[in-house]
């Protein structure tokens, strides 16, 4: 997503100028933030029957404890713990 966003900003910069490139950058950042902080936790929460806030906290905690691997394994671990309890 980052590479395609950069490509879109570069194309807007070359084709239309700085203003359109900045608008494109702002829209790309807004969409990525919405997807990452709202839509993804909602979809994951429904898929594993866990509250979206718990998913966000699990991903943040996993990232703090074990970096990228911890963030990737946080939701499956939380789902396992949820079903075990």
Protein backbone atom coordinates (compact mmCIF):
# COMPACT_ATOMS: atom_id res chain seq x y z
CA UNK A 1 0.00 0.00 0.00
CA UNK A 2 2.88 2.35 0.71
CA UNK A 3 4.50 1.81 -2.68
CA UNK A 4 1.26 2.25 -4.59
CA UNK A 5 0.49 5.35 -2.55
CA UNK A 6 3.90 6.79 -3.39
CA UNK A 7 3.32 5.99 -7.05
CA UNK A 8 -0.06 7.75 -6.99
CA UNK A 9 1.48 10.84 -5.37
CA UNK A 10 4.31 10.91 -7.92
CA UNK A 11 1.86 10.59 -10.81
CA UNK A 12 -0.28 13.39 -9.36
CA UNK A 13 2.82 15.54 -8.88
CA UNK A 14 3.98 15.05 -12.47
CA UNK A 15 0.54 15.36 -14.05
CA UNK A 16 -1.15 18.09 -11.98
CA UNK A 17 1.39 19.72 -9.65
CA UNK A 18 2.02 20.15 -5.93
CA UNK A 19 -1.55 20.91 -4.85
CA UNK A 20 -3.01 17.73 -6.35
CA UNK A 21 -0.06 15.70 -5.06
CA UNK A 22 -0.69 16.95 -1.50
CA UNK A 23 -4.43 16.27 -1.82
CA UNK A 24 -3.65 12.76 -3.08
CA UNK A 25 -1.23 12.19 -0.20
CA UNK A 26 -3.81 13.37 2.35
CA UNK A 27 -6.48 11.07 0.90
CA UNK A 28 -4.16 8.07 0.85
CA UNK A 29 -3.12 8.64 4.46
CA UNK A 30 -6.76 9.09 5.54
CA UNK A 31 -7.87 5.89 3.81
CA UNK A 32 -4.97 3.88 5.26
CA UNK A 33 -5.65 5.17 8.78
CA UNK A 34 -9.37 4.40 8.47
CA UNK A 35 -8.67 0.92 7.19
CA UNK A 36 -6.02 0.15 9.79
CA UNK A 37 -7.68 1.60 12.88
CA UNK A 38 -11.40 1.11 12.20
CA UNK A 39 -12.22 -1.40 9.48
CA UNK A 40 -9.58 -4.04 10.16
CA UNK A 41 -10.35 -4.38 13.90
CA UNK A 42 -14.09 -4.57 13.15
CA UNK A 43 -13.67 -7.29 10.53
CA UNK A 44 -11.18 -9.27 12.63
CA UNK A 45 -13.38 -8.89 15.69
CA UNK A 46 -16.36 -10.34 13.88
CA UNK A 47 -14.31 -13.16 12.38
CA UNK A 48 -12.98 -14.32 15.75
CA UNK A 49 -15.88 -13.04 17.93
CA UNK A 50 -13.70 -10.66 19.96
CA UNK A 51 -14.35 -6.98 20.68
CA UNK A 52 -12.48 -4.67 18.24
CA UNK A 53 -10.84 -2.75 21.11
CA UNK A 54 -9.41 -6.01 22.45
CA UNK A 55 -7.93 -6.69 19.02
CA UNK A 56 -6.33 -3.23 18.82
CA UNK A 57 -4.89 -3.65 22.32
CA UNK A 58 -3.64 -7.16 21.53
CA UNK A 59 -1.90 -5.99 18.36
CA UNK A 60 -0.31 -3.05 20.21
CA UNK A 61 0.80 -5.28 23.08
CA UNK A 62 2.15 -7.91 20.72
CA UNK A 63 4.09 -5.26 18.81
CA UNK A 64 5.60 -3.88 22.01
CA UNK A 65 6.58 -7.30 23.32
CA UNK A 66 7.78 -9.02 20.15
CA UNK A 67 7.82 -6.49 17.31
CA UNK A 68 6.24 -7.30 13.96
CA UNK A 69 6.02 -11.02 14.70
CA UNK A 70 4.19 -10.26 17.94
CA UNK A 71 1.74 -7.99 16.15
CA UNK A 72 1.05 -10.68 13.55
CA UNK A 73 0.53 -13.42 16.13
CA UNK A 74 -1.46 -11.32 18.61
CA UNK A 75 -4.94 -11.90 17.15
CA UNK A 76 -4.59 -15.69 16.77
CA UNK A 77 -3.18 -15.89 20.30
CA UNK A 78 -6.04 -13.78 21.64
CA UNK A 79 -8.59 -15.95 19.82
CA UNK A 80 -6.98 -19.07 21.29
CA UNK A 81 -7.03 -17.60 24.80
CA UNK A 82 -10.63 -16.48 24.32
CA UNK A 83 -11.76 -19.95 23.30
CA UNK A 84 -9.71 -21.62 26.05
CA UNK A 85 -11.24 -19.50 28.79
